[in-house]
Amino acid sequence: MDVLTTGGSSVAPDSTVDRGDKGWKTLTAWSIASLVGNMALILTGALVRLTKSGLGCPTWPKCTDESFIPVGMGLHGAIEFGNRLLTFLLVALAIGTFIAALWVRHNGQRRPDIVRLSVIAALGIPAQAIIGGITVLTQLNPYVVGLHLVVSVALIVILTLLVRRARRIGPRPATPLGRRLVTASFWLMMVVIVLGVLVTGSAPHAGDDAAIRTGFDVETVAKIHAWVLWATLAVTAAAWWVTRARQVGWLIIASLFQGLVGYLQYFNGLPIWIVAFHMIGVAVIAAIAGNMYWALGTRPREHVVTSP
């Protein structure tokens, strides 16, 4: 396998070096589990909103003024409480990932970059819990709800990098133009996601009948969201033409599919099951875009790995 050398350090291109060490395998398993868990949080949060269970537990940190569990709160309370319980699973996964990050070694030394990434990802979990609490206490303010999703997307991107480093996959060499196009594609996709958050905050599925909306015209925001997506696809296509990288190709395929789902939900009156599928797409695209950026948008010297 080809290995790039930068400043005396071995840097693997976008392929995997020897993973025989048990510590690296353990870290890979924990980091993938953390990534999947944070992707699942987007879906469970969407289900809370789509089933009008956003205030199923009307207060925080307790579910009701008298109880931490949804006693007498019916199905809506159970759904909202289930979403809260996922936080404890994510905490457990974050702790396991951090411990595994402490365990791995490169040339006999701890990898501070991996430990740092695991800490950042772990700190995101209590931050999400606090944002979730503010969401309830502000009666599902759409901007707070949107922040909840944006933080989830950021954590997915960070955990994608952690998975790559746990698997000891370095970035591929790319031309300066290729890196610029990939970087532009990544950040434009993040803008698309943020605009999608505004569409969600303006659309009917608010999580509760009494919840306020952003006040934006949903049709106008949805059209802007779609236009920026098409512009992003054009940039991504240019990035693929320059790099011919499969990571870029996967983002094009996922974006086209996500766009199709978006049009289906828009022209069919936002049915719950299609909206839920669209939210799954957000999590998947965040991971794919992050993997593309870490593979081609950064310079190889930033990732030091063990040569085979």
Protein backbone atom coordinates (compact mmCIF):
# COMPACT_ATOMS: atom_id res chain seq x y z
CA MET A 1 0.00 0.00 0.00
CA ASP A 2 1.27 3.47 -0.86
CA VAL A 3 2.20 5.64 2.09
CA LEU A 4 2.88 9.36 1.81
CA THR A 5 5.68 10.79 3.93
CA THR A 6 5.42 14.34 5.24
CA GLY A 7 7.92 15.77 7.66
CA GLY A 8 9.20 12.33 8.63
CA SER A 9 5.74 11.00 9.48
CA SER A 10 3.97 8.27 7.60
CA VAL A 11 0.62 9.33 6.23
CA ALA A 12 -1.73 6.83 4.62
CA PRO A 13 -3.92 7.88 1.72
CA ASP A 14 -7.57 6.97 1.74
CA SER A 15 -7.08 3.29 2.57
CA THR A 16 -6.54 1.42 5.78
CA VAL A 17 -3.24 0.29 7.28
CA ASP A 18 -2.70 -2.67 9.59
CA ARG A 19 -5.48 -2.85 12.20
CA GLY A 20 -4.24 -5.90 14.06
CA ASP A 21 -3.85 -4.05 17.34
CA LYS A 22 -6.79 -4.74 19.63
CA GLY A 23 -6.90 -1.17 20.96
CA TRP A 24 -7.50 0.28 17.51
CA LYS A 25 -10.23 -2.24 16.77
CA THR A 26 -11.91 -1.37 20.06
CA LEU A 27 -11.73 2.36 19.35
CA THR A 28 -13.13 1.79 15.86
CA ALA A 29 -16.12 -0.10 17.28
CA TRP A 30 -16.86 2.52 19.94
CA SER A 31 -16.47 5.48 17.57
CA ILE A 32 -18.75 3.88 14.96
CA ALA A 33 -21.33 3.17 17.67
CA SER A 34 -21.15 6.81 18.81
CA LEU A 35 -21.56 7.99 15.23
CA VAL A 36 -24.60 5.77 14.65
CA GLY A 37 -26.10 6.82 17.99
CA ASN A 38 -25.85 10.51 17.15
CA MET A 39 -27.34 9.87 13.72
CA ALA A 40 -30.23 8.03 15.41
CA LEU A 41 -30.83 11.07 17.63
CA ILE A 42 -31.86 13.05 14.54
CA LEU A 43 -34.49 10.44 13.71
CA THR A 44 -35.87 10.14 17.25
CA GLY A 45 -36.03 13.93 17.53
CA ALA A 46 -37.94 14.05 14.26
CA LEU A 47 -40.36 11.39 15.50
CA VAL A 48 -41.02 13.46 18.63
CA ARG A 49 -41.86 16.43 16.44
CA LEU A 50 -43.87 14.55 13.82
CA THR A 51 -46.05 12.78 16.41
CA LYS A 52 -46.77 16.07 18.23
CA SER A 53 -44.97 14.74 21.30
CA GLY A 54 -42.65 17.72 21.76
CA LEU A 55 -44.35 18.65 25.04
CA GLY A 56 -45.18 15.08 26.04
CA CYS A 57 -42.94 15.85 29.00
CA PRO A 58 -43.93 19.47 29.63
CA THR A 59 -40.97 20.40 31.82
CA TRP A 60 -37.24 19.69 32.23
CA PRO A 61 -35.18 18.02 33.69
CA LYS A 62 -38.20 16.24 35.15
CA CYS A 63 -40.88 14.95 32.82
CA THR A 64 -43.59 16.52 34.99
CA ASP A 65 -43.42 18.69 38.09
CA GLU A 66 -43.86 15.58 40.22
CA SER A 67 -41.94 12.89 38.36
CA PHE A 68 -38.89 12.21 36.21
CA ILE A 69 -40.83 9.59 34.26
CA PRO A 70 -43.98 10.20 32.16
CA VAL A 71 -46.57 9.03 34.68
CA GLY A 72 -50.04 9.55 33.20
CA MET A 73 -48.70 11.41 30.16
CA GLY A 74 -49.87 8.84 27.61
CA LEU A 75 -48.22 7.99 24.30
CA HIS A 76 -46.84 11.49 23.73
CA GLY A 77 -45.09 11.39 27.09
CA ALA A 78 -43.63 7.96 26.34
CA ILE A 79 -42.27 9.12 22.97
CA GLU A 80 -40.70 12.28 24.40
CA PHE A 81 -39.29 10.39 27.38
CA GLY A 82 -37.84 7.74 25.06
CA ASN A 83 -35.98 10.46 23.20
CA ARG A 84 -34.59 11.71 26.49
CA LEU A 85 -33.46 8.21 27.45
CA LEU A 86 -31.34 8.06 24.29
CA THR A 87 -29.13 10.70 25.93
CA PHE A 88 -28.01 8.17 28.53
CA LEU A 89 -27.05 5.70 25.80
CA LEU A 90 -25.08 8.42 24.03
CA VAL A 91 -23.31 9.29 27.30
CA ALA A 92 -22.33 5.63 27.74
CA LEU A 93 -21.05 5.49 24.16
CA ALA A 94 -19.10 8.74 24.63
CA ILE A 95 -17.45 7.43 27.80
CA GLY A 96 -16.55 4.16 26.10
CA THR A 97 -15.12 6.03 23.12
CA PHE A 98 -13.04 8.29 25.39
CA ILE A 99 -11.61 5.34 27.32
CA ALA A 100 -10.81 3.55 24.07
CA ALA A 101 -9.11 6.72 22.79
CA LEU A 102 -6.88 6.75 25.88
CA TRP A 103 -5.96 3.13 25.24
CA VAL A 104 -4.61 3.37 21.68
CA ARG A 105 -0.96 4.11 20.99
CA HIS A 106 1.10 5.29 18.02
CA ASN A 107 4.78 4.37 18.26
CA GLY A 108 4.20 3.70 21.95
CA GLN A 109 2.65 7.11 22.60
CA ARG A 110 -0.91 8.25 23.18
CA ARG A 111 -2.65 10.01 20.28
CA PRO A 112 -3.66 13.45 21.64
CA ASP A 113 -5.63 14.29 18.48
CA ILE A 114 -7.84 11.23 18.95
CA VAL A 115 -8.32 11.91 22.66
CA ARG A 116 -9.23 15.51 21.85
CA LEU A 117 -11.82 14.46 19.27
CA SER A 118 -13.39 12.00 21.72
CA VAL A 119 -13.63 14.74 24.36
CA ILE A 120 -15.24 17.20 21.93
CA ALA A 121 -17.76 14.57 20.87
CA ALA A 122 -18.48 13.69 24.50
CA LEU A 123 -19.06 17.33 25.48
CA GLY A 124 -21.64 17.57 22.73
CA ILE A 125 -23.95 15.14 24.54
CA PRO A 126 -24.62 17.26 27.67
CA ALA A 127 -24.81 20.29 25.39
CA GLN A 128 -27.58 18.52 23.47
CA ALA A 129 -29.37 17.65 26.70
CA ILE A 130 -29.29 21.32 27.79
CA ILE A 131 -30.53 22.49 24.39
CA GLY A 132 -33.28 19.89 24.60
CA GLY A 133 -34.27 21.24 27.99
CA ILE A 134 -34.35 24.81 26.68
CA THR A 135 -36.48 23.54 23.78
CA VAL A 136 -39.11 22.29 26.22
CA LEU A 137 -38.92 25.33 28.51
CA THR A 138 -39.36 27.69 25.51
CA GLN A 139 -42.40 25.73 24.32
CA LEU A 140 -40.62 24.36 21.22
CA ASN A 141 -39.17 27.60 19.94
CA PRO A 142 -38.30 26.70 16.31
CA TYR A 143 -34.85 28.30 16.47
CA VAL A 144 -33.91 26.31 19.57
CA VAL A 145 -35.27 23.16 17.94
CA GLY A 146 -33.17 23.99 14.89
CA LEU A 147 -30.06 24.47 17.01
CA HIS A 148 -30.66 20.97 18.38
CA LEU A 149 -30.39 19.57 14.85
CA VAL A 150 -27.40 21.72 13.87
CA VAL A 151 -25.41 20.47 16.88
CA SER A 152 -26.29 16.89 15.93
CA VAL A 153 -24.94 17.49 12.43
CA ALA A 154 -21.73 19.00 13.85
CA LEU A 155 -21.26 15.97 16.10
CA ILE A 156 -21.77 13.62 13.16
CA VAL A 157 -19.07 15.44 11.17
CA ILE A 158 -16.67 15.31 14.14
CA LEU A 159 -17.37 11.64 14.79
CA THR A 160 -16.82 10.87 11.12
CA LEU A 161 -13.29 12.21 11.51
CA LEU A 162 -12.85 10.18 14.70
CA VAL A 163 -13.93 7.00 12.89
CA ARG A 164 -11.44 7.70 10.10
CA ARG A 165 -8.62 8.23 12.57
CA ALA A 166 -9.62 5.18 14.59
CA ARG A 167 -9.39 3.16 11.38
CA ARG A 168 -6.15 5.03 10.60
CA ILE A 169 -7.36 6.32 7.26
CA GLY A 170 -5.55 9.43 6.13
CA PRO A 171 -6.77 11.92 3.54
CA ARG A 172 -6.16 11.35 -0.14
CA PRO A 173 -3.72 13.61 -1.97
CA ALA A 174 -5.60 16.21 -3.98
CA THR A 175 -4.72 19.21 -6.06
CA PRO A 176 -5.28 22.68 -4.55
CA LEU A 177 -8.25 23.14 -6.89
CA GLY A 178 -9.68 19.79 -5.84
CA ARG A 179 -9.36 20.69 -2.15
CA ARG A 180 -11.02 24.06 -2.71
CA LEU A 181 -13.94 22.52 -4.59
CA VAL A 182 -14.41 19.81 -1.97
CA THR A 183 -14.27 22.39 0.82
CA ALA A 184 -16.80 24.59 -0.99
CA SER A 185 -19.07 21.59 -1.56
CA PHE A 186 -18.92 20.64 2.12
CA TRP A 187 -19.75 24.09 3.46
CA LEU A 188 -22.48 24.64 0.88
CA MET A 189 -24.02 21.37 2.03
CA MET A 190 -23.96 22.66 5.60
CA VAL A 191 -25.80 25.78 4.36
CA VAL A 192 -28.35 23.51 2.67
CA ILE A 193 -28.91 21.72 5.98
CA VAL A 194 -29.34 25.01 7.87
CA LEU A 195 -31.86 26.19 5.28
CA GLY A 196 -33.63 22.87 5.73
CA VAL A 197 -33.83 23.66 9.44
CA LEU A 198 -35.58 26.94 8.57
CA VAL A 199 -37.99 25.07 6.31
CA THR A 200 -38.75 22.72 9.19
CA GLY A 201 -39.29 25.65 11.56
CA SER A 202 -41.72 27.20 9.11
CA ALA A 203 -43.62 24.03 8.22
CA PRO A 204 -46.71 22.60 9.98
CA HIS A 205 -45.04 19.77 11.94
CA ALA A 206 -44.07 21.80 15.00
CA GLY A 207 -44.12 19.11 17.68
CA ASP A 208 -47.23 20.53 19.31
CA ASP A 209 -50.31 22.34 18.04
CA ALA A 210 -49.55 25.34 20.24
CA ALA A 211 -45.89 25.71 19.19
CA ILE A 212 -44.92 28.87 17.34
CA ARG A 213 -43.40 28.90 13.85
CA THR A 214 -40.63 31.10 12.42
CA GLY A 215 -43.10 33.26 10.50
CA PHE A 216 -41.32 32.72 7.18
CA ASP A 217 -43.37 31.67 4.19
CA VAL A 218 -42.68 27.93 3.95
CA GLU A 219 -42.94 27.89 0.14
CA THR A 220 -40.35 30.66 -0.23
CA VAL A 221 -37.90 29.10 2.22
CA ALA A 222 -38.36 25.66 0.65
CA LYS A 223 -37.57 27.06 -2.82
CA ILE A 224 -34.42 28.80 -1.55
CA HIS A 225 -33.45 25.52 0.14
CA ALA A 226 -33.88 23.65 -3.18
CA TRP A 227 -32.00 26.27 -5.24
CA VAL A 228 -28.99 26.17 -2.91
CA LEU A 229 -29.05 22.36 -3.07
CA TRP A 230 -28.86 22.47 -6.88
CA ALA A 231 -25.99 24.98 -6.68
CA THR A 232 -24.24 22.67 -4.21
CA LEU A 233 -24.70 19.74 -6.57
CA ALA A 234 -23.08 21.75 -9.37
CA VAL A 235 -20.04 22.49 -7.20
CA THR A 236 -19.91 18.87 -6.04
CA ALA A 237 -20.05 17.65 -9.63
CA ALA A 238 -17.10 19.94 -10.44
CA ALA A 239 -15.26 18.53 -7.41
CA TRP A 240 -15.86 15.01 -8.68
CA TRP A 241 -14.65 15.94 -12.18
CA VAL A 242 -11.39 17.27 -10.74
CA THR A 243 -10.77 14.59 -8.10
CA ARG A 244 -12.67 11.56 -9.49
CA ALA A 245 -13.00 10.48 -5.86
CA ARG A 246 -15.68 8.02 -4.78
CA GLN A 247 -16.33 10.05 -1.61
CA VAL A 248 -17.51 12.94 -3.81
CA GLY A 249 -19.56 10.58 -5.95
CA TRP A 250 -21.38 9.21 -2.90
CA LEU A 251 -22.35 12.74 -1.86
CA ILE A 252 -23.79 13.41 -5.33
CA ILE A 253 -25.86 10.21 -5.21
CA ALA A 254 -27.08 10.86 -1.65
CA SER A 255 -27.95 14.48 -2.45
CA LEU A 256 -29.95 13.54 -5.53
CA PHE A 257 -31.87 10.95 -3.54
CA GLN A 258 -32.44 13.42 -0.69
CA GLY A 259 -33.65 16.02 -3.17
CA LEU A 260 -36.11 13.52 -4.63
CA VAL A 261 -37.48 12.77 -1.15
CA GLY A 262 -37.71 16.51 -0.48
CA TYR A 263 -39.78 17.09 -3.61
CA LEU A 264 -41.99 14.12 -2.76
CA GLN A 265 -42.78 15.48 0.71
CA TYR A 266 -43.35 19.01 -0.62
CA PHE A 267 -45.76 18.06 -3.42
CA ASN A 268 -47.63 15.52 -1.28
CA GLY A 269 -48.46 17.85 1.62
CA LEU A 270 -45.64 16.85 3.99
CA PRO A 271 -46.79 13.33 5.00
CA ILE A 272 -45.15 12.23 8.22
CA TRP A 273 -43.44 9.11 6.90
CA ILE A 274 -41.77 10.94 4.01
CA VAL A 275 -40.62 13.74 6.33
CA ALA A 276 -39.14 11.12 8.69
CA PHE A 277 -37.30 9.55 5.74
CA HIS A 278 -36.00 13.00 4.79
CA MET A 279 -34.60 13.43 8.31
CA ILE A 280 -32.77 10.11 8.02
CA GLY A 281 -31.29 11.54 4.85
CA VAL A 282 -29.99 14.57 6.76
CA ALA A 283 -28.01 12.31 9.10
CA VAL A 284 -26.65 10.22 6.24
CA ILE A 285 -25.66 13.25 4.15
CA ALA A 286 -23.91 14.85 7.14
CA ALA A 287 -21.78 11.72 7.55
CA ILE A 288 -21.05 11.41 3.81
CA ALA A 289 -20.21 15.10 3.46
CA GLY A 290 -17.96 14.92 6.52
CA ASN A 291 -16.18 11.84 5.15
CA MET A 292 -15.66 13.62 1.82
CA TYR A 293 -14.22 16.69 3.52
CA TRP A 294 -11.86 14.76 5.80
CA ALA A 295 -10.76 12.60 2.85
CA LEU A 296 -10.06 15.37 0.33
CA GLY A 297 -10.53 18.79 1.89
CA THR A 298 -7.55 18.68 4.25
CA ARG A 299 -3.83 18.25 3.70
CA PRO A 300 -2.25 14.83 4.36
CA ARG A 301 0.19 16.14 6.95
CA GLU A 302 -2.68 16.68 9.40
CA HIS A 303 -3.14 12.93 9.89
CA VAL A 304 -0.28 10.85 11.28
CA VAL A 305 -0.80 7.11 11.24
CA THR A 306 1.19 3.92 11.64
CA SER A 307 2.73 2.62 8.45
CA PRO A 308 2.18 -1.02 7.58
